[in-house]
């Protein structure tokens, strides 16, 4: 992960405060906008970590075949990761 969770929380709070202060949005009293922003930002930041874990699980299933064919783990990791990024139209 590129950013620490504490910084993401601080950033989401600052964004929420600025949006309300500048009257760019109206927020109902019962809505915690900063928490909503934090959840979205945290999910987006952790996207690459989740993708890497998914690729590692796939590679672990085929590690014997990779060893037999002499395929490099790192090269295969990058290949599969890039393929999934293209297929899912992700932005990392």
C-alpha atoms as a PDB file:
ATOM      1  CA  UNK A   1       0.000   0.000   0.000  1.00  0.00           C
ATOM      2  CA  UNK A   2       1.306   3.418  -0.977  1.00  0.00           C
ATOM      3  CA  UNK A   3      -0.362   5.448   1.780  1.00  0.00           C
ATOM      4  CA  UNK A   4      -0.780   4.698   5.456  1.00  0.00           C
ATOM      5  CA  UNK A   5      -4.330   4.326   6.732  1.00  0.00           C
ATOM      6  CA  UNK A   6      -3.909   7.203   9.175  1.00  0.00           C
ATOM      7  CA  UNK A   7      -3.034   9.529   6.322  1.00  0.00           C
ATOM      8  CA  UNK A   8      -5.981   8.329   4.233  1.00  0.00           C
ATOM      9  CA  UNK A   9      -8.312   8.968   7.188  1.00  0.00           C
ATOM     10  CA  UNK A  10      -6.851  12.438   7.708  1.00  0.00           C
ATOM     11  CA  UNK A  11      -7.170  13.179   4.003  1.00  0.00           C
ATOM     12  CA  UNK A  12     -10.791  11.998   3.840  1.00  0.00           C
ATOM     13  CA  UNK A  13     -11.681  14.149   6.860  1.00  0.00           C
ATOM     14  CA  UNK A  14     -10.010  17.200   5.314  1.00  0.00           C
ATOM     15  CA  UNK A  15     -11.791  16.673   1.969  1.00  0.00           C
ATOM     16  CA  UNK A  16     -15.171  16.291   3.689  1.00  0.00           C
ATOM     17  CA  UNK A  17     -14.613  19.429   5.783  1.00  0.00           C
ATOM     18  CA  UNK A  18     -13.499  21.466   2.773  1.00  0.00           C
ATOM     19  CA  UNK A  19     -16.451  20.362   0.625  1.00  0.00           C
ATOM     20  CA  UNK A  20     -18.917  21.354   3.320  1.00  0.00           C
ATOM     21  CA  UNK A  21     -17.087  24.567   4.257  1.00  0.00           C
ATOM     22  CA  UNK A  22     -16.993  25.736   0.638  1.00  0.00           C
ATOM     23  CA  UNK A  23     -20.696  24.831   0.343  1.00  0.00           C
ATOM     24  CA  UNK A  24     -19.979  22.542  -2.590  1.00  0.00           C
ATOM     25  CA  UNK A  25     -22.232  19.872  -1.108  1.00  0.00           C
ATOM     26  CA  UNK A  26     -24.922  19.550   1.542  1.00  0.00           C
ATOM     27  CA  UNK A  27     -24.554  16.675   3.954  1.00  0.00           C
ATOM     28  CA  UNK A  28     -27.410  15.332   6.091  1.00  0.00           C
ATOM     29  CA  UNK A  29     -26.699  15.457   9.818  1.00  0.00           C
ATOM     30  CA  UNK A  30     -26.801  11.677  10.200  1.00  0.00           C
ATOM     31  CA  UNK A  31     -24.261  11.020   7.419  1.00  0.00           C
ATOM     32  CA  UNK A  32     -20.576  10.671   8.264  1.00  0.00           C
ATOM     33  CA  UNK A  33     -19.142  11.911   4.971  1.00  0.00           C
ATOM     34  CA  UNK A  34     -15.535  11.564   6.121  1.00  0.00           C
ATOM     35  CA  UNK A  35     -16.094   7.876   6.910  1.00  0.00           C
ATOM     36  CA  UNK A  36     -17.793   7.284   3.554  1.00  0.00           C
ATOM     37  CA  UNK A  37     -14.887   8.950   1.749  1.00  0.00           C
ATOM     38  CA  UNK A  38     -12.396   6.952   3.807  1.00  0.00           C
ATOM     39  CA  UNK A  39     -14.047   3.650   2.863  1.00  0.00           C
ATOM     40  CA  UNK A  40     -13.946   4.470  -0.844  1.00  0.00           C
ATOM     41  CA  UNK A  41     -10.383   5.807  -0.764  1.00  0.00           C
ATOM     42  CA  UNK A  42      -9.109   2.867   1.287  1.00  0.00           C
ATOM     43  CA  UNK A  43     -10.706   0.357  -1.085  1.00  0.00           C
ATOM     44  CA  UNK A  44      -9.152   2.091  -4.081  1.00  0.00           C
ATOM     45  CA  UNK A  45      -5.711   2.279  -2.490  1.00  0.00           C
ATOM     46  CA  UNK A  46      -5.804  -1.409  -1.564  1.00  0.00           C
ATOM     47  CA  UNK A  47      -6.866  -2.471  -5.051  1.00  0.00           C
ATOM     48  CA  UNK A  48      -3.336  -3.352  -6.155  1.00  0.00           C
ATOM     49  CA  UNK A  49      -2.672  -5.319  -2.961  1.00  0.00           C
ATOM     50  CA  UNK A  50      -5.824  -7.386  -3.506  1.00  0.00           C
ATOM     51  CA  UNK A  51      -4.912  -7.958  -7.151  1.00  0.00           C
ATOM     52  CA  UNK A  52      -1.384  -9.076  -6.197  1.00  0.00           C
ATOM     53  CA  UNK A  53      -2.816 -11.534  -3.685  1.00  0.00           C
ATOM     54  CA  UNK A  54      -5.190 -12.940  -6.297  1.00  0.00           C
ATOM     55  CA  UNK A  55      -2.328 -13.418  -8.763  1.00  0.00           C
ATOM     56  CA  UNK A  56      -0.168 -15.091  -6.095  1.00  0.00           C
ATOM     57  CA  UNK A  57      -2.962 -17.565  -5.357  1.00  0.00           C
ATOM     58  CA  UNK A  58      -3.240 -18.376  -9.066  1.00  0.00           C
ATOM     59  CA  UNK A  59       0.510 -18.855  -9.398  1.00  0.00           C
ATOM     60  CA  UNK A  60       0.636 -21.114  -6.348  1.00  0.00           C
ATOM     61  CA  UNK A  61      -1.831 -23.439  -8.071  1.00  0.00           C
ATOM     62  CA  UNK A  62       0.511 -23.779 -11.049  1.00  0.00           C
ATOM     63  CA  UNK A  63       3.901 -23.656  -9.333  1.00  0.00           C
ATOM     64  CA  UNK A  64       4.815 -27.251 -10.255  1.00  0.00           C
ATOM     65  CA  UNK A  65       4.088 -26.650 -13.951  1.00  0.00           C
ATOM     66  CA  UNK A  66       6.039 -23.394 -13.824  1.00  0.00           C
ATOM     67  CA  UNK A  67       9.010 -25.147 -12.271  1.00  0.00           C
ATOM     68  CA  UNK A  68       8.954 -27.852 -14.940  1.00  0.00           C
ATOM     69  CA  UNK A  69       8.788 -25.346 -17.783  1.00  0.00           C
ATOM     70  CA  UNK A  70      11.402 -23.062 -16.217  1.00  0.00           C
ATOM     71  CA  UNK A  71       9.065 -20.054 -16.069  1.00  0.00           C
ATOM     72  CA  UNK A  72      10.173 -17.212 -13.842  1.00  0.00           C
ATOM     73  CA  UNK A  73       7.791 -16.528 -10.962  1.00  0.00           C
ATOM     74  CA  UNK A  74       8.304 -12.760 -11.182  1.00  0.00           C
ATOM     75  CA  UNK A  75       7.767 -12.692 -14.945  1.00  0.00           C
ATOM     76  CA  UNK A  76       4.591 -14.748 -14.641  1.00  0.00           C
ATOM     77  CA  UNK A  77       3.357 -12.556 -11.792  1.00  0.00           C
ATOM     78  CA  UNK A  78       3.783  -9.439 -13.926  1.00  0.00           C
ATOM     79  CA  UNK A  79       2.261 -11.092 -16.994  1.00  0.00           C
ATOM     80  CA  UNK A  80      -0.866 -12.285 -15.210  1.00  0.00           C
ATOM     81  CA  UNK A  81      -1.228  -9.057 -13.255  1.00  0.00           C
ATOM     82  CA  UNK A  82      -1.045  -6.967 -16.422  1.00  0.00           C
ATOM     83  CA  UNK A  83      -3.538  -9.251 -18.147  1.00  0.00           C
ATOM     84  CA  UNK A  84      -6.030  -8.921 -15.293  1.00  0.00           C
ATOM     85  CA  UNK A  85      -5.569  -5.150 -15.219  1.00  0.00           C
ATOM     86  CA  UNK A  86      -6.370  -4.949 -18.938  1.00  0.00           C
ATOM     87  CA  UNK A  87      -9.310  -7.349 -18.728  1.00  0.00           C
ATOM     88  CA  UNK A  88     -10.874  -5.596 -15.751  1.00  0.00           C
ATOM     89  CA  UNK A  89      -9.949  -2.123 -16.988  1.00  0.00           C
ATOM     90  CA  UNK A  90      -8.320  -1.246 -13.684  1.00  0.00           C
ATOM     91  CA  UNK A  91      -6.250   1.823 -12.967  1.00  0.00           C
ATOM     92  CA  UNK A  92      -3.409   1.175 -10.548  1.00  0.00           C
END
